[in-house]
Amino acid sequence: MIKLTDLTNQKFGKWTVIKFNHRDKNSNAYWLVRCDCGTEKTVIGDSLKNGRSKSCGCQYIKSFLDITGKSFGRLIVIGLSHRNKNNDLYWNVRCQCGTEKTVLGNSLKNGSIQSCGCLVKEKIKKLRYKHGMSRSATYLAWRGMKSRCLNPKHRAYHRYGRKGVIICDEWINSFESFYNDMGEKPKGLTLDRINGNKGYFKENCRWATYKQQARNMKCNRIIEYKGERKTLAEYAEKFGLNPTTLLYRIKANWPIEKALTKPSQCKIKKKK
C-alpha cells in the first residue's frame, strides 16, 4: 500500500483539508475538505495535489448571480448555503415571520417559493373562512336557498328546483354578494320571494314574517277589490270573515263586494 501523506490543514486553492476520509479499492486517498465559501465535500487527494480541484465551484458564480440581500416574496436572502452535486445553488433565507430555512435558488427566481410556508397557510385559511359567517342565520338562509333550488335530495326541491326556480349568478356564486344585497337576516324573519313566479334575486326578495310568506304562496287566491290586490287570507282578516267561508263564496260566484261585506252567520269558536 502506498504510504499516506498527511494533507490535514493544508490549503489547495480555496480548499482547506479537514481530515482523511477513506481509501478506495485502488488505494486512492480521499479527504474531507472545506471551501472558503463554507461548502464541505470529499475529494480525491491527487486532484488536490495536481490542481484539478481548487474549490466547490463557487469561483465560477458570477457577481450577478449573487442574490444576497434580495427579496423574493416574503423571503430575504441571507447568503449562499451550498452547491449540490448537480451544481444547483442553495441559499439561506429568512421569512418575514422570522423563520429561517435553506431553499433552492431557482425556486426563488421562478417564484415557486415565496415564503417559509406561512403564505400558503394564510391563503388556505382565507378560503376556508372567507367571510367568517358560516354559522350565522344569514349564511344558513343563503345555503338553504341553494339547497332548495339545486339539491334534488332536499325535501323541498320539488317545489323549487324541479319547478324551475333559479338563483341569480351573483348570489349562487357568492355569499358576500347575497349579504351585500339583503343585509343581515332579522330575527324571526325568513327569505321570501315577492313574486312566487320568479326566482331569487335582489329585486324579488325580502326578509318576511312566516305569516307574510304563507300569504305569498302560489296556492293563495288573489282577489282584486276597489283597485287593491290582496290574498284571500288578507281580505278575510280585514273583513272579519272565516277564510273558508270567503273561499266558498268566491267559488259560488258571489259578487266580490257581497262576498266580502256580507256578515258571516258562522262564528269561529275561540280556543280555550
C-alpha atoms as a PDB file:
ATOM      1  CA  MET A   1       0.000   0.000   0.000  1.00  0.00           C
ATOM      2  CA  ILE A   2       1.242   3.468  -0.925  1.00  0.00           C
ATOM      3  CA  LYS A   3       2.321   5.446   2.110  1.00  0.00           C
ATOM      4  CA  LEU A   4      -0.227   8.135   3.008  1.00  0.00           C
ATOM      5  CA  THR A   5       0.988  11.721   3.020  1.00  0.00           C
ATOM      6  CA  ASP A   6      -0.942  13.708   5.600  1.00  0.00           C
ATOM      7  CA  LEU A   7      -2.649  16.702   3.967  1.00  0.00           C
ATOM      8  CA  THR A   8      -4.577  17.832   7.059  1.00  0.00           C
ATOM      9  CA  ASN A   9      -4.832  21.655   7.352  1.00  0.00           C
ATOM     10  CA  GLN A  10      -3.108  22.167   4.006  1.00  0.00           C
ATOM     11  CA  LYS A  11      -4.515  24.655   1.517  1.00  0.00           C
ATOM     12  CA  PHE A  12      -5.242  23.794  -2.133  1.00  0.00           C
ATOM     13  CA  GLY A  13      -6.836  26.713  -3.955  1.00  0.00           C
ATOM     14  CA  LYS A  14      -9.945  27.518  -1.911  1.00  0.00           C
ATOM     15  CA  TRP A  15      -9.924  24.089  -0.290  1.00  0.00           C
ATOM     16  CA  THR A  16      -8.702  23.529   3.248  1.00  0.00           C
ATOM     17  CA  VAL A  17      -8.165  19.872   4.154  1.00  0.00           C
ATOM     18  CA  ILE A  18     -10.028  18.910   7.321  1.00  0.00           C
ATOM     19  CA  LYS A  19      -9.132  15.233   7.682  1.00  0.00           C
ATOM     20  CA  PHE A  20      -8.533  11.958   5.909  1.00  0.00           C
ATOM     21  CA  ASN A  21     -11.749  10.249   4.856  1.00  0.00           C
ATOM     22  CA  HIS A  22     -11.044   6.857   3.242  1.00  0.00           C
ATOM     23  CA  ARG A  23      -9.207   4.883   0.553  1.00  0.00           C
ATOM     24  CA  ASP A  24     -10.982   3.258  -2.368  1.00  0.00           C
ATOM     25  CA  LYS A  25     -10.249  -0.247  -3.722  1.00  0.00           C
ATOM     26  CA  ASN A  26      -7.435   1.216  -5.854  1.00  0.00           C
ATOM     27  CA  SER A  27      -5.818   2.736  -2.744  1.00  0.00           C
ATOM     28  CA  ASN A  28      -6.694   6.284  -3.790  1.00  0.00           C
ATOM     29  CA  ALA A  29      -6.914   8.520  -0.733  1.00  0.00           C
ATOM     30  CA  TYR A  30      -9.972  10.738  -0.255  1.00  0.00           C
ATOM     31  CA  TRP A  31     -10.005  13.783   2.008  1.00  0.00           C
ATOM     32  CA  LEU A  32     -12.760  15.789   3.630  1.00  0.00           C
ATOM     33  CA  VAL A  33     -12.227  19.398   2.594  1.00  0.00           C
ATOM     34  CA  ARG A  34     -13.922  22.746   3.222  1.00  0.00           C
ATOM     35  CA  CYS A  35     -14.178  25.523   0.640  1.00  0.00           C
ATOM     36  CA  ASP A  36     -13.699  29.174   1.597  1.00  0.00           C
ATOM     37  CA  CYS A  37     -17.437  29.617   0.977  1.00  0.00           C
ATOM     38  CA  GLY A  38     -18.185  27.014   3.673  1.00  0.00           C
ATOM     39  CA  THR A  39     -19.099  24.062   1.454  1.00  0.00           C
ATOM     40  CA  GLU A  40     -17.703  20.706   2.554  1.00  0.00           C
ATOM     41  CA  LYS A  41     -17.187  17.631   0.403  1.00  0.00           C
ATOM     42  CA  THR A  42     -14.897  14.640  -0.104  1.00  0.00           C
ATOM     43  CA  VAL A  43     -12.191  14.989  -2.790  1.00  0.00           C
ATOM     44  CA  ILE A  44      -9.554  12.575  -4.065  1.00  0.00           C
ATOM     45  CA  GLY A  45      -6.081  13.593  -2.911  1.00  0.00           C
ATOM     46  CA  ASP A  46      -4.473  13.536  -6.357  1.00  0.00           C
ATOM     47  CA  SER A  47      -6.998  16.125  -7.607  1.00  0.00           C
ATOM     48  CA  LEU A  48      -5.925  18.422  -4.804  1.00  0.00           C
ATOM     49  CA  LYS A  49      -2.220  17.978  -5.478  1.00  0.00           C
ATOM     50  CA  ASN A  50      -2.357  18.397  -9.265  1.00  0.00           C
ATOM     51  CA  GLY A  51      -4.711  21.374  -9.049  1.00  0.00           C
ATOM     52  CA  ARG A  52      -7.680  19.822 -10.867  1.00  0.00           C
ATOM     53  CA  SER A  53      -9.885  20.600  -7.858  1.00  0.00           C
ATOM     54  CA  LYS A  54      -9.471  24.066  -6.362  1.00  0.00           C
ATOM     55  CA  SER A  55     -12.913  24.812  -4.938  1.00  0.00           C
ATOM     56  CA  CYS A  56     -16.535  23.675  -4.790  1.00  0.00           C
ATOM     57  CA  GLY A  57     -17.138  25.751  -7.909  1.00  0.00           C
ATOM     58  CA  CYS A  58     -18.135  28.929  -6.167  1.00  0.00           C
ATOM     59  CA  GLN A  59     -15.441  30.883  -8.015  1.00  0.00           C
ATOM     60  CA  TYR A  60     -17.496  30.394 -11.161  1.00  0.00           C
ATOM     61  CA  ILE A  61     -20.523  32.147  -9.660  1.00  0.00           C
ATOM     62  CA  LYS A  62     -20.735  35.456 -11.484  1.00  0.00           C
ATOM     63  CA  SER A  63     -21.476  38.571  -9.492  1.00  0.00           C
ATOM     64  CA  PHE A  64     -24.970  38.998 -10.994  1.00  0.00           C
ATOM     65  CA  LEU A  65     -25.933  35.587  -9.639  1.00  0.00           C
ATOM     66  CA  ASP A  66     -25.276  36.669  -6.062  1.00  0.00           C
ATOM     67  CA  ILE A  67     -28.739  37.310  -4.658  1.00  0.00           C
ATOM     68  CA  THR A  68     -27.698  38.007  -1.072  1.00  0.00           C
ATOM     69  CA  GLY A  69     -29.927  40.726   0.389  1.00  0.00           C
ATOM     70  CA  LYS A  70     -32.573  40.422  -2.312  1.00  0.00           C
ATOM     71  CA  SER A  71     -36.242  39.758  -1.538  1.00  0.00           C
ATOM     72  CA  PHE A  72     -38.439  37.113  -3.132  1.00  0.00           C
ATOM     73  CA  GLY A  73     -41.992  37.330  -1.889  1.00  0.00           C
ATOM     74  CA  ARG A  74     -41.719  37.214   1.890  1.00  0.00           C
ATOM     75  CA  LEU A  75     -38.177  35.797   1.826  1.00  0.00           C
ATOM     76  CA  ILE A  76     -34.961  37.774   2.212  1.00  0.00           C
ATOM     77  CA  VAL A  77     -31.735  36.036   1.133  1.00  0.00           C
ATOM     78  CA  ILE A  78     -29.143  35.930   3.934  1.00  0.00           C
ATOM     79  CA  GLY A  79     -26.353  34.253   1.995  1.00  0.00           C
ATOM     80  CA  LEU A  80     -25.177  31.254  -0.006  1.00  0.00           C
ATOM     81  CA  SER A  81     -25.601  27.905   1.712  1.00  0.00           C
ATOM     82  CA  HIS A  82     -24.052  25.309  -0.606  1.00  0.00           C
ATOM     83  CA  ARG A  83     -23.956  23.802  -4.082  1.00  0.00           C
ATOM     84  CA  ASN A  84     -25.139  20.237  -4.606  1.00  0.00           C
ATOM     85  CA  LYS A  85     -23.538  17.603  -6.855  1.00  0.00           C
ATOM     86  CA  ASN A  86     -25.523  18.975  -9.808  1.00  0.00           C
ATOM     87  CA  ASN A  87     -24.129  22.455  -9.152  1.00  0.00           C
ATOM     88  CA  ASP A  88     -27.506  23.784  -8.042  1.00  0.00           C
ATOM     89  CA  LEU A  89     -27.174  26.681  -5.627  1.00  0.00           C
ATOM     90  CA  TYR A  90     -28.949  26.678  -2.277  1.00  0.00           C
ATOM     91  CA  TRP A  91     -29.430  29.871  -0.281  1.00  0.00           C
ATOM     92  CA  ASN A  92     -30.151  30.652   3.354  1.00  0.00           C
ATOM     93  CA  VAL A  93     -33.251  32.816   3.610  1.00  0.00           C
ATOM     94  CA  ARG A  94     -35.301  34.495   6.332  1.00  0.00           C
ATOM     95  CA  CYS A  95     -39.074  34.829   6.072  1.00  0.00           C
ATOM     96  CA  GLN A  96     -40.973  37.924   7.257  1.00  0.00           C
ATOM     97  CA  CYS A  97     -42.449  35.776  10.021  1.00  0.00           C
ATOM     98  CA  GLY A  98     -38.910  35.137  11.323  1.00  0.00           C
ATOM     99  CA  THR A  99     -38.456  31.554  10.120  1.00  0.00           C
ATOM    100  CA  GLU A 100     -35.103  30.715   8.511  1.00  0.00           C
ATOM    101  CA  LYS A 101     -34.560  27.900   6.030  1.00  0.00           C
ATOM    102  CA  THR A 102     -32.444  26.812   3.054  1.00  0.00           C
ATOM    103  CA  VAL A 103     -34.038  26.857  -0.403  1.00  0.00           C
ATOM    104  CA  LEU A 104     -33.042  26.214  -3.999  1.00  0.00           C
ATOM    105  CA  GLY A 105     -32.073  29.389  -5.845  1.00  0.00           C
ATOM    106  CA  ASN A 106     -34.074  28.538  -8.964  1.00  0.00           C
ATOM    107  CA  SER A 107     -37.216  28.137  -6.832  1.00  0.00           C
ATOM    108  CA  LEU A 108     -36.745  31.689  -5.575  1.00  0.00           C
ATOM    109  CA  LYS A 109     -36.218  33.117  -9.036  1.00  0.00           C
ATOM    110  CA  ASN A 110     -39.159  31.381 -10.701  1.00  0.00           C
ATOM    111  CA  GLY A 111     -41.495  32.301  -7.838  1.00  0.00           C
ATOM    112  CA  SER A 112     -42.413  28.760  -6.811  1.00  0.00           C
ATOM    113  CA  ILE A 113     -41.257  29.567  -3.264  1.00  0.00           C
ATOM    114  CA  GLN A 114     -42.346  32.896  -1.769  1.00  0.00           C
ATOM    115  CA  SER A 115     -42.378  32.167   1.946  1.00  0.00           C
ATOM    116  CA  CYS A 116     -41.422  29.601   4.549  1.00  0.00           C
ATOM    117  CA  GLY A 117     -44.895  28.122   4.079  1.00  0.00           C
ATOM    118  CA  CYS A 118     -46.859  30.682   6.110  1.00  0.00           C
ATOM    119  CA  LEU A 119     -48.240  32.356   2.959  1.00  0.00           C
ATOM    120  CA  VAL A 120     -49.870  29.125   1.748  1.00  0.00           C
ATOM    121  CA  LYS A 121     -51.368  28.525   5.197  1.00  0.00           C
ATOM    122  CA  GLU A 122     -52.860  32.028   5.223  1.00  0.00           C
ATOM    123  CA  LYS A 123     -54.378  31.565   1.742  1.00  0.00           C
ATOM    124  CA  ILE A 124     -55.950  28.258   2.779  1.00  0.00           C
ATOM    125  CA  LYS A 125     -57.296  29.883   5.941  1.00  0.00           C
ATOM    126  CA  LYS A 126     -58.843  32.724   3.923  1.00  0.00           C
ATOM    127  CA  LEU A 127     -60.505  30.269   1.563  1.00  0.00           C
ATOM    128  CA  ARG A 128     -61.978  28.325   4.466  1.00  0.00           C
ATOM    129  CA  TYR A 129     -63.025  31.346   6.485  1.00  0.00           C
ATOM    130  CA  LYS A 130     -63.553  33.918   3.764  1.00  0.00           C
ATOM    131  CA  HIS A 131     -66.412  35.756   5.405  1.00  0.00           C
ATOM    132  CA  GLY A 132     -66.419  34.353   8.965  1.00  0.00           C
ATOM    133  CA  MET A 133     -70.218  33.938   8.927  1.00  0.00           C
ATOM    134  CA  SER A 134     -70.547  30.227   8.141  1.00  0.00           C
ATOM    135  CA  ARG A 135     -72.599  29.670  11.308  1.00  0.00           C
ATOM    136  CA  SER A 136     -74.754  32.789  11.082  1.00  0.00           C
ATOM    137  CA  ALA A 137     -78.508  32.778  10.386  1.00  0.00           C
ATOM    138  CA  THR A 138     -77.905  34.790   7.197  1.00  0.00           C
ATOM    139  CA  TYR A 139     -75.476  32.212   5.841  1.00  0.00           C
ATOM    140  CA  LEU A 140     -77.862  29.370   6.714  1.00  0.00           C
ATOM    141  CA  ALA A 141     -80.652  31.168   4.823  1.00  0.00           C
ATOM    142  CA  TRP A 142     -78.387  31.516   1.758  1.00  0.00           C
ATOM    143  CA  ARG A 143     -77.342  27.876   1.958  1.00  0.00           C
ATOM    144  CA  GLY A 144     -80.982  26.784   2.364  1.00  0.00           C
ATOM    145  CA  MET A 145     -81.965  28.767  -0.730  1.00  0.00           C
ATOM    146  CA  LYS A 146     -79.281  26.999  -2.766  1.00  0.00           C
ATOM    147  CA  SER A 147     -80.236  23.567  -1.442  1.00  0.00           C
ATOM    148  CA  ARG A 148     -83.921  24.018  -2.308  1.00  0.00           C
ATOM    149  CA  CYS A 149     -83.056  25.014  -5.864  1.00  0.00           C
ATOM    150  CA  LEU A 150     -80.012  22.853  -6.592  1.00  0.00           C
ATOM    151  CA  ASN A 151     -80.110  19.718  -4.471  1.00  0.00           C
ATOM    152  CA  PRO A 152     -82.545  17.053  -5.766  1.00  0.00           C
ATOM    153  CA  LYS A 153     -82.313  15.299  -2.398  1.00  0.00           C
ATOM    154  CA  HIS A 154     -83.665  18.316  -0.498  1.00  0.00           C
ATOM    155  CA  ARG A 155     -87.204  17.758   0.815  1.00  0.00           C
ATOM    156  CA  ALA A 156     -88.466  20.979  -0.817  1.00  0.00           C
ATOM    157  CA  TYR A 157     -86.662  20.552  -4.148  1.00  0.00           C
ATOM    158  CA  HIS A 158     -89.899  19.506  -5.901  1.00  0.00           C
ATOM    159  CA  ARG A 159     -91.391  22.947  -5.132  1.00  0.00           C
ATOM    160  CA  TYR A 160     -88.293  24.923  -6.176  1.00  0.00           C
ATOM    161  CA  GLY A 161     -85.561  23.409  -8.321  1.00  0.00           C
ATOM    162  CA  ARG A 162     -87.821  20.959 -10.097  1.00  0.00           C
ATOM    163  CA  LYS A 163     -90.263  23.763 -10.947  1.00  0.00           C
ATOM    164  CA  GLY A 164     -87.500  25.903 -12.410  1.00  0.00           C
ATOM    165  CA  VAL A 165     -86.931  28.376  -9.556  1.00  0.00           C
ATOM    166  CA  ILE A 166     -83.470  29.801 -10.259  1.00  0.00           C
ATOM    167  CA  ILE A 167     -80.916  31.879  -8.341  1.00  0.00           C
ATOM    168  CA  CYS A 168     -79.155  34.852  -9.939  1.00  0.00           C
ATOM    169  CA  ASP A 169     -75.466  34.348 -10.838  1.00  0.00           C
ATOM    170  CA  GLU A 170     -74.291  36.908  -8.288  1.00  0.00           C
ATOM    171  CA  TRP A 171     -75.897  35.044  -5.382  1.00  0.00           C
ATOM    172  CA  ILE A 172     -75.333  31.478  -6.484  1.00  0.00           C
ATOM    173  CA  ASN A 173     -71.565  32.036  -6.672  1.00  0.00           C
ATOM    174  CA  SER A 174     -71.047  34.372  -3.721  1.00  0.00           C
ATOM    175  CA  PHE A 175     -72.440  34.610  -0.214  1.00  0.00           C
ATOM    176  CA  GLU A 176     -70.805  38.048   0.053  1.00  0.00           C
ATOM    177  CA  SER A 177     -72.953  39.355  -2.839  1.00  0.00           C
ATOM    178  CA  PHE A 178     -76.097  37.915  -1.226  1.00  0.00           C
ATOM    179  CA  TYR A 179     -75.165  39.536   2.098  1.00  0.00           C
ATOM    180  CA  ASN A 180     -74.419  42.913   0.481  1.00  0.00           C
ATOM    181  CA  ASP A 181     -77.830  42.904  -1.246  1.00  0.00           C
ATOM    182  CA  MET A 182     -80.015  41.514   1.545  1.00  0.00           C
ATOM    183  CA  GLY A 183     -78.157  42.513   4.697  1.00  0.00           C
ATOM    184  CA  GLU A 184     -78.221  40.523   7.899  1.00  0.00           C
ATOM    185  CA  LYS A 185     -81.218  38.274   8.475  1.00  0.00           C
ATOM    186  CA  PRO A 186     -83.534  39.881  11.092  1.00  0.00           C
ATOM    187  CA  LYS A 187     -84.581  37.621  13.939  1.00  0.00           C
ATOM    188  CA  GLY A 188     -87.868  35.844  13.265  1.00  0.00           C
ATOM    189  CA  LEU A 189     -87.937  36.601   9.525  1.00  0.00           C
ATOM    190  CA  THR A 190     -87.317  34.307   6.571  1.00  0.00           C
ATOM    191  CA  LEU A 191     -86.118  34.747   2.988  1.00  0.00           C
ATOM    192  CA  ASP A 192     -89.176  35.285   0.772  1.00  0.00           C
ATOM    193  CA  ARG A 193     -89.728  35.840  -2.952  1.00  0.00           C
ATOM    194  CA  ILE A 194     -92.108  38.742  -3.543  1.00  0.00           C
ATOM    195  CA  ASN A 195     -93.309  37.241  -6.813  1.00  0.00           C
ATOM    196  CA  GLY A 196     -93.545  33.488  -6.421  1.00  0.00           C
ATOM    197  CA  ASN A 197     -93.377  33.032 -10.181  1.00  0.00           C
ATOM    198  CA  LYS A 198     -89.873  34.469 -10.326  1.00  0.00           C
ATOM    199  CA  GLY A 199     -86.545  33.339  -8.931  1.00  0.00           C
ATOM    200  CA  TYR A 200     -84.165  34.554  -6.258  1.00  0.00           C
ATOM    201  CA  PHE A 201     -82.605  37.961  -6.998  1.00  0.00           C
ATOM    202  CA  LYS A 202     -82.304  41.268  -5.170  1.00  0.00           C
ATOM    203  CA  GLU A 203     -85.422  42.986  -6.535  1.00  0.00           C
ATOM    204  CA  ASN A 204     -87.637  39.954  -5.925  1.00  0.00           C
ATOM    205  CA  CYS A 205     -86.556  39.033  -2.390  1.00  0.00           C
ATOM    206  CA  ARG A 206     -87.203  40.330   1.127  1.00  0.00           C
ATOM    207  CA  TRP A 207     -86.986  39.268   4.736  1.00  0.00           C
ATOM    208  CA  ALA A 208     -90.589  38.411   5.656  1.00  0.00           C
ATOM    209  CA  THR A 209     -92.562  37.031   8.583  1.00  0.00           C
ATOM    210  CA  TYR A 210     -93.886  33.495   8.342  1.00  0.00           C
ATOM    211  CA  LYS A 211     -97.375  34.985   8.002  1.00  0.00           C
ATOM    212  CA  GLN A 212     -96.326  37.174   5.080  1.00  0.00           C
ATOM    213  CA  GLN A 213     -94.583  34.275   3.419  1.00  0.00           C
ATOM    214  CA  ALA A 214     -97.568  31.974   3.849  1.00  0.00           C
ATOM    215  CA  ARG A 215     -99.851  34.569   2.237  1.00  0.00           C
ATOM    216  CA  ASN A 216     -97.416  34.891  -0.647  1.00  0.00           C
ATOM    217  CA  MET A 217     -97.567  31.220  -1.623  1.00  0.00           C
ATOM    218  CA  LYS A 218     -98.834  30.287  -5.086  1.00  0.00           C
ATOM    219  CA  CYS A 219    -101.752  28.383  -3.564  1.00  0.00           C
ATOM    220  CA  ASN A 220    -103.226  31.627  -2.188  1.00  0.00           C
ATOM    221  CA  ARG A 221    -106.012  33.125  -4.251  1.00  0.00           C
ATOM    222  CA  ILE A 222    -105.518  36.780  -5.234  1.00  0.00           C
ATOM    223  CA  ILE A 223    -108.625  38.989  -5.037  1.00  0.00           C
ATOM    224  CA  GLU A 224    -108.968  42.453  -6.570  1.00  0.00           C
ATOM    225  CA  TYR A 225    -111.387  44.811  -4.792  1.00  0.00           C
ATOM    226  CA  LYS A 226    -111.665  48.584  -5.293  1.00  0.00           C
ATOM    227  CA  GLY A 227    -108.316  48.737  -7.083  1.00  0.00           C
ATOM    228  CA  GLU A 228    -106.455  46.714  -4.429  1.00  0.00           C
ATOM    229  CA  ARG A 229    -104.998  43.241  -4.931  1.00  0.00           C
ATOM    230  CA  LYS A 230    -104.671  41.121  -1.814  1.00  0.00           C
ATOM    231  CA  THR A 231    -104.727  37.478  -0.946  1.00  0.00           C
ATOM    232  CA  LEU A 232    -107.907  35.772   0.169  1.00  0.00           C
ATOM    233  CA  ALA A 233    -106.416  35.352   3.639  1.00  0.00           C
ATOM    234  CA  GLU A 234    -105.653  39.086   3.888  1.00  0.00           C
ATOM    235  CA  TYR A 235    -109.191  40.098   2.865  1.00  0.00           C
ATOM    236  CA  ALA A 236    -110.731  37.516   5.226  1.00  0.00           C
ATOM    237  CA  GLU A 237    -108.774  39.034   8.100  1.00  0.00           C
ATOM    238  CA  LYS A 238    -109.650  42.589   7.046  1.00  0.00           C
ATOM    239  CA  PHE A 239    -113.434  41.923   6.916  1.00  0.00           C
ATOM    240  CA  GLY A 240    -113.569  39.554   9.858  1.00  0.00           C
ATOM    241  CA  LEU A 241    -114.509  36.512   7.817  1.00  0.00           C
ATOM    242  CA  ASN A 242    -113.529  32.884   8.059  1.00  0.00           C
ATOM    243  CA  PRO A 243    -111.145  32.206   5.102  1.00  0.00           C
ATOM    244  CA  THR A 244    -113.068  29.008   4.344  1.00  0.00           C
ATOM    245  CA  THR A 245    -116.360  30.936   4.174  1.00  0.00           C
ATOM    246  CA  LEU A 246    -114.879  33.541   1.865  1.00  0.00           C
ATOM    247  CA  LEU A 247    -113.415  30.852  -0.379  1.00  0.00           C
ATOM    248  CA  TYR A 248    -116.840  29.138  -0.582  1.00  0.00           C
ATOM    249  CA  ARG A 249    -118.482  32.434  -1.608  1.00  0.00           C
ATOM    250  CA  ILE A 250    -115.866  33.088  -4.296  1.00  0.00           C
ATOM    251  CA  LYS A 251    -116.264  29.573  -5.719  1.00  0.00           C
ATOM    252  CA  ALA A 252    -120.071  30.063  -5.681  1.00  0.00           C
ATOM    253  CA  ASN A 253    -119.527  33.105  -7.930  1.00  0.00           C
ATOM    254  CA  TRP A 254    -120.749  35.663  -5.410  1.00  0.00           C
ATOM    255  CA  PRO A 255    -120.087  39.264  -6.434  1.00  0.00           C
ATOM    256  CA  ILE A 256    -116.806  40.298  -4.802  1.00  0.00           C
ATOM    257  CA  GLU A 257    -118.329  43.147  -2.763  1.00  0.00           C
ATOM    258  CA  LYS A 258    -121.121  40.936  -1.410  1.00  0.00           C
ATOM    259  CA  ALA A 259    -118.692  38.097  -0.667  1.00  0.00           C
ATOM    260  CA  LEU A 260    -116.513  40.449   1.354  1.00  0.00           C
ATOM    261  CA  THR A 261    -119.094  42.626   3.109  1.00  0.00           C
ATOM    262  CA  LYS A 262    -121.980  40.271   3.946  1.00  0.00           C
ATOM    263  CA  PRO A 263    -121.615  39.257   7.607  1.00  0.00           C
ATOM    264  CA  SER A 264    -120.970  35.593   8.162  1.00  0.00           C
ATOM    265  CA  GLN A 265    -123.521  33.537  10.062  1.00  0.00           C
ATOM    266  CA  CYS A 266    -120.808  31.132  11.122  1.00  0.00           C
ATOM    267  CA  LYS A 267    -118.825  32.193  14.152  1.00  0.00           C
ATOM    268  CA  ILE A 268    -115.439  30.717  14.807  1.00  0.00           C
ATOM    269  CA  LYS A 269    -115.125  29.174  18.228  1.00  0.00           C
ATOM    270  CA  LYS A 270    -112.171  30.532  20.140  1.00  0.00           C
ATOM    271  CA  LYS A 271    -109.813  28.022  21.611  1.00  0.00           C
ATOM    272  CA  LYS A 272    -109.723  27.961  25.379  1.00  0.00           C
END
